[in-house]
Structures are given as structure tokens and as C-alpha cells.
Amino acid sequence: MPKKKEPSFEEALESLETIVKEMENGDTSLSELMDQYAKGVALSQKCLKALDRAEQAMDLMVKEEKQKVQELELKIEGE
């Protein structure tokens, strides 16, 4: 059985926004709210992990010097 495709960050965020709107609507049963809440927590964790990976990638600056690639930590003032 093929592995289920993981949603992209944008797809996960869109699904999370839809869940929030449905929950705010107030027409959902308690059982459905609990299911939606669990899905929302999983989606939010996925989004947070994706943002963390992106932040880590941006913290490295790649520099090519004398035909060698160096990774340098990006220092931002105020951090």
C-alpha cells in the first residue's frame, strides 16, 4: 500500500484555517469538535516543525570561496 502523501506547509495551514472556521461556527457536535481539535493539533505541530526547519536553514549562510563551499552561521542583530 502506497504511503499517504504528507500535505505541504501551505496545505496544512489551509486545512487548519478551515478547521478553526468550522469550530467557530458553533454548529458542530462535541464529538466532531474533539475530532477537529485533534486534527488541528496535529496540523499545527506539522506547521511549527516546517517553520522551525525553515528558520534553521535560513540561519546558515553559504559562502563559496576558492572553489569550496563554507556554511557560516547567520548572525542577526538583536537576537
N, C-alpha and C. Protein backbone atom coordinates (compact mmCIF):
# COMPACT_ATOMS: atom_id res chain seq x y z
N MET A 1 0.84 -1.18 0.00
CA MET A 1 0.00 0.00 0.00
C MET A 1 0.89 1.24 0.00
N PRO A 2 0.66 2.18 -0.95
CA PRO A 2 1.50 3.37 -1.02
C PRO A 2 1.32 4.25 0.21
N LYS A 3 2.41 4.90 0.56
CA LYS A 3 2.39 5.81 1.70
C LYS A 3 1.57 7.05 1.35
N LYS A 4 0.77 7.51 2.31
CA LYS A 4 -0.05 8.70 2.11
C LYS A 4 0.84 9.92 2.00
N LYS A 5 0.58 10.75 0.98
CA LYS A 5 1.38 11.96 0.76
C LYS A 5 1.14 12.95 1.88
N GLU A 6 2.21 13.44 2.46
CA GLU A 6 2.12 14.46 3.51
C GLU A 6 1.73 15.79 2.86
N PRO A 7 0.83 16.52 3.51
CA PRO A 7 0.45 17.83 2.95
C PRO A 7 1.62 18.82 3.08
N SER A 8 1.66 19.73 2.14
CA SER A 8 2.68 20.79 2.20
C SER A 8 2.34 21.72 3.35
N PHE A 9 3.25 22.61 3.68
CA PHE A 9 3.01 23.60 4.73
C PHE A 9 1.75 24.40 4.41
N GLU A 10 1.65 24.84 3.16
CA GLU A 10 0.52 25.67 2.76
C GLU A 10 -0.80 24.89 2.86
N GLU A 11 -0.78 23.62 2.45
CA GLU A 11 -1.99 22.79 2.54
C GLU A 11 -2.38 22.56 3.99
N ALA A 12 -1.39 22.29 4.84
CA ALA A 12 -1.67 22.07 6.25
C ALA A 12 -2.23 23.34 6.90
N LEU A 13 -1.67 24.48 6.56
CA LEU A 13 -2.14 25.75 7.12
C LEU A 13 -3.57 26.04 6.65
N GLU A 14 -3.85 25.77 5.39
CA GLU A 14 -5.20 25.99 4.86
C GLU A 14 -6.21 25.07 5.56
N SER A 15 -5.84 23.82 5.77
CA SER A 15 -6.71 22.88 6.48
C SER A 15 -6.95 23.34 7.91
N LEU A 16 -5.89 23.82 8.54
CA LEU A 16 -6.00 24.31 9.92
C LEU A 16 -6.95 25.51 9.99
N GLU A 17 -6.85 26.41 9.03
CA GLU A 17 -7.74 27.58 9.00
C GLU A 17 -9.19 27.15 8.79
N THR A 18 -9.42 26.14 7.96
CA THR A 18 -10.77 25.62 7.73
C THR A 18 -11.34 25.02 9.01
N ILE A 19 -10.52 24.26 9.72
CA ILE A 19 -10.95 23.65 10.98
C ILE A 19 -11.34 24.73 11.99
N VAL A 20 -10.53 25.77 12.09
CA VAL A 20 -10.83 26.86 13.04
C VAL A 20 -12.15 27.52 12.69
N LYS A 21 -12.39 27.79 11.40
CA LYS A 21 -13.65 28.41 10.98
C LYS A 21 -14.84 27.52 11.33
N GLU A 22 -14.70 26.21 11.09
CA GLU A 22 -15.78 25.27 11.39
C GLU A 22 -16.05 25.22 12.90
N MET A 23 -14.99 25.25 13.68
CA MET A 23 -15.15 25.22 15.13
C MET A 23 -15.80 26.51 15.65
N GLU A 24 -15.45 27.63 15.05
CA GLU A 24 -16.01 28.92 15.47
C GLU A 24 -17.47 29.07 15.06
N ASN A 25 -17.87 28.32 14.05
CA ASN A 25 -19.24 28.40 13.54
C ASN A 25 -20.25 28.05 14.60
N GLY A 26 -19.93 27.09 15.46
CA GLY A 26 -20.82 26.73 16.56
C GLY A 26 -21.87 25.69 16.21
N ASP A 27 -21.88 25.18 14.99
CA ASP A 27 -22.86 24.19 14.57
C ASP A 27 -22.32 22.77 14.61
N THR A 28 -21.25 22.56 15.35
CA THR A 28 -20.57 21.27 15.37
C THR A 28 -20.85 20.56 16.69
N SER A 29 -21.08 19.24 16.61
CA SER A 29 -21.32 18.47 17.83
C SER A 29 -20.02 18.35 18.62
N LEU A 30 -20.17 17.99 19.89
CA LEU A 30 -19.00 17.85 20.75
C LEU A 30 -18.03 16.79 20.20
N SER A 31 -18.57 15.69 19.71
CA SER A 31 -17.74 14.62 19.15
C SER A 31 -16.94 15.12 17.95
N GLU A 32 -17.61 15.86 17.07
CA GLU A 32 -16.92 16.42 15.89
C GLU A 32 -15.89 17.47 16.31
N LEU A 33 -16.22 18.26 17.33
CA LEU A 33 -15.28 19.26 17.83
C LEU A 33 -14.00 18.59 18.34
N MET A 34 -14.16 17.49 19.05
CA MET A 34 -12.99 16.77 19.57
C MET A 34 -12.14 16.22 18.44
N ASP A 35 -12.80 15.67 17.41
CA ASP A 35 -12.06 15.15 16.25
C ASP A 35 -11.33 16.29 15.53
N GLN A 36 -12.03 17.39 15.33
CA GLN A 36 -11.42 18.55 14.65
C GLN A 36 -10.27 19.12 15.47
N TYR A 37 -10.45 19.14 16.79
CA TYR A 37 -9.39 19.64 17.67
C TYR A 37 -8.13 18.78 17.52
N ALA A 38 -8.30 17.47 17.53
CA ALA A 38 -7.16 16.56 17.40
C ALA A 38 -6.46 16.75 16.05
N LYS A 39 -7.26 16.89 14.99
CA LYS A 39 -6.67 17.13 13.66
C LYS A 39 -5.93 18.47 13.65
N GLY A 40 -6.53 19.48 14.28
CA GLY A 40 -5.92 20.80 14.32
C GLY A 40 -4.59 20.81 15.06
N VAL A 41 -4.53 20.08 16.17
CA VAL A 41 -3.28 19.99 16.92
C VAL A 41 -2.19 19.33 16.07
N ALA A 42 -2.54 18.25 15.38
CA ALA A 42 -1.56 17.56 14.53
C ALA A 42 -1.09 18.48 13.39
N LEU A 43 -2.02 19.20 12.78
CA LEU A 43 -1.65 20.11 11.70
C LEU A 43 -0.78 21.26 12.21
N SER A 44 -1.12 21.80 13.38
CA SER A 44 -0.33 22.91 13.92
C SER A 44 1.09 22.45 14.25
N GLN A 45 1.24 21.22 14.75
CA GLN A 45 2.58 20.70 15.03
C GLN A 45 3.37 20.55 13.74
N LYS A 46 2.71 20.09 12.68
CA LYS A 46 3.38 19.95 11.39
C LYS A 46 3.85 21.32 10.89
N CYS A 47 2.98 22.31 11.00
CA CYS A 47 3.33 23.66 10.55
C CYS A 47 4.49 24.23 11.37
N LEU A 48 4.46 24.03 12.68
CA LEU A 48 5.54 24.54 13.54
C LEU A 48 6.87 23.87 13.21
N LYS A 49 6.86 22.57 12.93
CA LYS A 49 8.08 21.87 12.55
C LYS A 49 8.62 22.39 11.23
N ALA A 50 7.73 22.64 10.27
CA ALA A 50 8.15 23.17 8.98
C ALA A 50 8.77 24.55 9.13
N LEU A 51 8.16 25.38 9.97
CA LEU A 51 8.71 26.72 10.22
C LEU A 51 10.06 26.65 10.92
N ASP A 52 10.20 25.72 11.85
CA ASP A 52 11.47 25.55 12.55
C ASP A 52 12.57 25.12 11.58
N ARG A 53 12.25 24.17 10.69
CA ARG A 53 13.24 23.73 9.69
C ARG A 53 13.64 24.89 8.77
N ALA A 54 12.67 25.70 8.38
CA ALA A 54 12.95 26.84 7.51
C ALA A 54 13.84 27.85 8.23
N GLU A 55 13.55 28.09 9.50
CA GLU A 55 14.36 29.02 10.28
C GLU A 55 15.80 28.52 10.42
N GLN A 56 15.96 27.22 10.68
CA GLN A 56 17.30 26.65 10.80
C GLN A 56 18.06 26.77 9.49
N ALA A 57 17.37 26.55 8.37
CA ALA A 57 18.01 26.66 7.07
C ALA A 57 18.44 28.09 6.79
N MET A 58 17.63 29.03 7.23
CA MET A 58 17.96 30.44 6.98
C MET A 58 19.06 30.93 7.90
N ASP A 59 19.30 30.21 9.00
CA ASP A 59 20.36 30.60 9.92
C ASP A 59 21.75 30.26 9.38
N LEU A 60 21.79 29.49 8.31
CA LEU A 60 23.08 29.17 7.70
C LEU A 60 23.25 29.98 6.44
N MET A 61 24.39 30.59 6.30
CA MET A 61 24.70 31.35 5.11
C MET A 61 25.78 30.57 4.37
N VAL A 62 25.56 30.34 3.10
CA VAL A 62 26.52 29.56 2.32
C VAL A 62 27.43 30.53 1.56
N LYS A 63 28.72 30.26 1.65
CA LYS A 63 29.70 31.13 1.01
C LYS A 63 30.64 30.25 0.19
N GLU A 64 30.84 30.63 -1.07
CA GLU A 64 31.77 29.89 -1.90
C GLU A 64 33.07 30.69 -1.98
N GLU A 65 34.15 30.03 -1.62
CA GLU A 65 35.44 30.69 -1.60
C GLU A 65 36.49 29.70 -2.09
N LYS A 66 37.26 30.10 -3.09
CA LYS A 66 38.32 29.26 -3.64
C LYS A 66 37.80 27.86 -3.97
N GLN A 67 36.67 27.83 -4.64
CA GLN A 67 36.02 26.60 -5.11
C GLN A 67 35.66 25.64 -3.97
N LYS A 68 35.49 26.18 -2.77
CA LYS A 68 35.00 25.42 -1.64
C LYS A 68 33.75 26.10 -1.11
N VAL A 69 32.84 25.32 -0.62
CA VAL A 69 31.61 25.87 -0.06
C VAL A 69 31.73 25.84 1.46
N GLN A 70 31.47 26.98 2.06
CA GLN A 70 31.50 27.10 3.51
C GLN A 70 30.12 27.47 4.00
N GLU A 71 29.72 26.87 5.10
CA GLU A 71 28.48 27.27 5.74
C GLU A 71 28.83 28.11 6.97
N LEU A 72 28.28 29.29 7.03
CA LEU A 72 28.52 30.20 8.14
C LEU A 72 27.20 30.47 8.84
N GLU A 73 27.24 30.59 10.14
CA GLU A 73 26.02 30.91 10.87
C GLU A 73 25.68 32.36 10.64
N LEU A 74 24.43 32.59 10.31
CA LEU A 74 23.94 33.94 10.05
C LEU A 74 23.64 34.62 11.37
N LYS A 75 24.30 35.70 11.64
CA LYS A 75 24.09 36.46 12.89
C LYS A 75 23.19 37.66 12.58
N ILE A 76 22.12 37.76 13.34
CA ILE A 76 21.18 38.87 13.15
C ILE A 76 21.22 39.72 14.42
N GLU A 77 21.39 41.02 14.24
CA GLU A 77 21.46 41.93 15.38
C GLU A 77 20.17 41.89 16.18
N GLY A 78 20.30 41.96 17.48
CA GLY A 78 19.13 41.98 18.34
C GLY A 78 18.69 40.61 18.84
N GLU A 79 19.36 39.55 18.40
CA GLU A 79 18.97 38.21 18.86
C GLU A 79 19.90 37.75 19.94
